């Protein structure tokens, strides 16, 4: 058995094909990489997310920001105001957050 922070759960198994029902419902999920499957990942996380939980995503491109917004909207979730940070002019990051309500 493993928990949400286990290396086995995060790297050795394909998240989209993993049965998440044996695990406790997370109150927060950070999506780092998505391999072009961000909307599907949001849908899967929504199914197990604690009712008061959140999803956090660091967007580094306009495309990933649009994909996150699309996935949140399609899943009927609430997008919260984001935070913008930039270490320099070439590496802006938008920290995005969504909740079930």
Protein backbone atom coordinates (compact mmCIF):
# COMPACT_ATOMS: atom_id res chain seq x y z
CA UNK A 1 0.00 0.00 0.00
CA UNK A 2 1.14 3.56 -0.55
CA UNK A 3 -0.10 7.04 0.17
CA UNK A 4 -0.43 10.16 -1.99
CA UNK A 5 3.14 11.22 -1.29
CA UNK A 6 4.69 7.85 -2.11
CA UNK A 7 7.20 7.71 -4.94
CA UNK A 8 5.45 4.60 -6.23
CA UNK A 9 2.17 6.47 -6.59
CA UNK A 10 3.68 9.51 -8.23
CA UNK A 11 6.23 8.09 -10.62
CA UNK A 12 5.97 4.35 -11.20
CA UNK A 13 2.29 4.15 -12.06
CA UNK A 14 0.34 5.93 -14.78
CA UNK A 15 -1.91 8.27 -12.82
CA UNK A 16 -4.76 8.22 -15.31
CA UNK A 17 -5.00 4.42 -15.10
CA UNK A 18 -4.53 4.08 -11.34
CA UNK A 19 -7.43 3.13 -9.06
CA UNK A 20 -7.45 5.88 -6.45
CA UNK A 21 -10.26 4.49 -4.28
CA UNK A 22 -7.92 2.74 -1.79
CA UNK A 23 -6.37 6.07 -0.82
CA UNK A 24 -7.65 8.71 1.58
CA UNK A 25 -9.32 11.66 -0.15
CA UNK A 26 -6.69 14.40 -0.54
CA UNK A 27 -7.42 17.91 0.65
CA UNK A 28 -4.91 19.38 -1.80
CA UNK A 29 -3.42 18.14 -5.06
CA UNK A 30 -0.55 19.85 -6.86
CA UNK A 31 -0.28 19.07 -10.55
CA UNK A 32 3.29 19.50 -11.72
CA UNK A 33 3.54 17.93 -15.15
CA UNK A 34 0.63 16.74 -17.22
CA UNK A 35 2.01 15.39 -20.48
CA UNK A 36 -0.81 17.00 -22.43
CA UNK A 37 -3.48 15.33 -20.27
CA UNK A 38 -4.26 18.17 -17.88
CA UNK A 39 -8.03 18.16 -18.43
CA UNK A 40 -8.22 14.39 -17.88
CA UNK A 41 -6.12 14.70 -14.72
CA UNK A 42 -8.44 17.40 -13.34
CA UNK A 43 -11.45 15.18 -14.01
CA UNK A 44 -9.82 12.23 -12.20
CA UNK A 45 -8.72 14.35 -9.23
CA UNK A 46 -12.20 15.85 -8.88
CA UNK A 47 -13.63 12.35 -8.36
CA UNK A 48 -11.54 11.80 -5.21
CA UNK A 49 -10.84 15.31 -3.92
CA UNK A 50 -12.03 16.11 -0.40
CA UNK A 51 -15.16 18.33 -0.63
CA UNK A 52 -13.23 21.29 0.78
CA UNK A 53 -10.03 20.46 -1.10
CA UNK A 54 -8.20 22.26 -3.87
CA UNK A 55 -6.14 21.67 -6.96
CA UNK A 56 -3.06 23.85 -7.48
CA UNK A 57 -1.24 24.17 -10.80
CA UNK A 58 1.80 26.19 -11.85
CA UNK A 59 1.26 27.46 -15.36
CA UNK A 60 4.35 28.44 -17.31
CA UNK A 61 2.66 29.07 -20.68
CA UNK A 62 -0.51 30.53 -22.13
CA UNK A 63 -1.40 27.06 -23.43
CA UNK A 64 -1.18 25.38 -20.02
CA UNK A 65 -3.16 28.23 -18.43
CA UNK A 66 -5.90 27.80 -21.04
CA UNK A 67 -5.92 24.01 -20.55
CA UNK A 68 -6.26 24.40 -16.76
CA UNK A 69 -9.08 26.92 -17.12
CA UNK A 70 -10.85 24.69 -19.66
CA UNK A 71 -10.51 21.63 -17.42
CA UNK A 72 -11.81 23.50 -14.38
CA UNK A 73 -14.78 24.88 -16.31
CA UNK A 74 -15.66 21.51 -17.89
CA UNK A 75 -15.64 19.90 -14.47
CA UNK A 76 -17.83 22.55 -12.86
CA UNK A 77 -15.14 23.67 -10.46
CA UNK A 78 -14.39 27.19 -9.22
CA UNK A 79 -11.25 29.01 -10.38
CA UNK A 80 -9.78 31.35 -7.76
CA UNK A 81 -7.60 34.42 -8.35
CA UNK A 82 -4.09 33.40 -9.35
CA UNK A 83 -0.71 34.59 -8.16
CA UNK A 84 1.96 35.69 -10.64
CA UNK A 85 5.65 35.37 -9.88
CA UNK A 86 8.68 35.87 -12.07
CA UNK A 87 12.28 35.21 -11.23
CA UNK A 88 13.19 37.16 -14.34
CA UNK A 89 11.50 38.37 -17.51
CA UNK A 90 11.87 34.97 -19.18
CA UNK A 91 10.36 32.69 -16.55
CA UNK A 92 6.93 33.90 -15.42
CA UNK A 93 4.86 31.47 -13.39
CA UNK A 94 1.16 31.72 -12.67
CA UNK A 95 0.06 29.77 -9.60
CA UNK A 96 -3.53 28.73 -10.18
CA UNK A 97 -6.02 27.26 -7.72
CA UNK A 98 -9.42 25.63 -8.11
CA UNK A 99 -11.92 24.18 -5.67
CA UNK A 100 -15.12 22.18 -5.91
CA UNK A 101 -17.21 25.13 -4.76
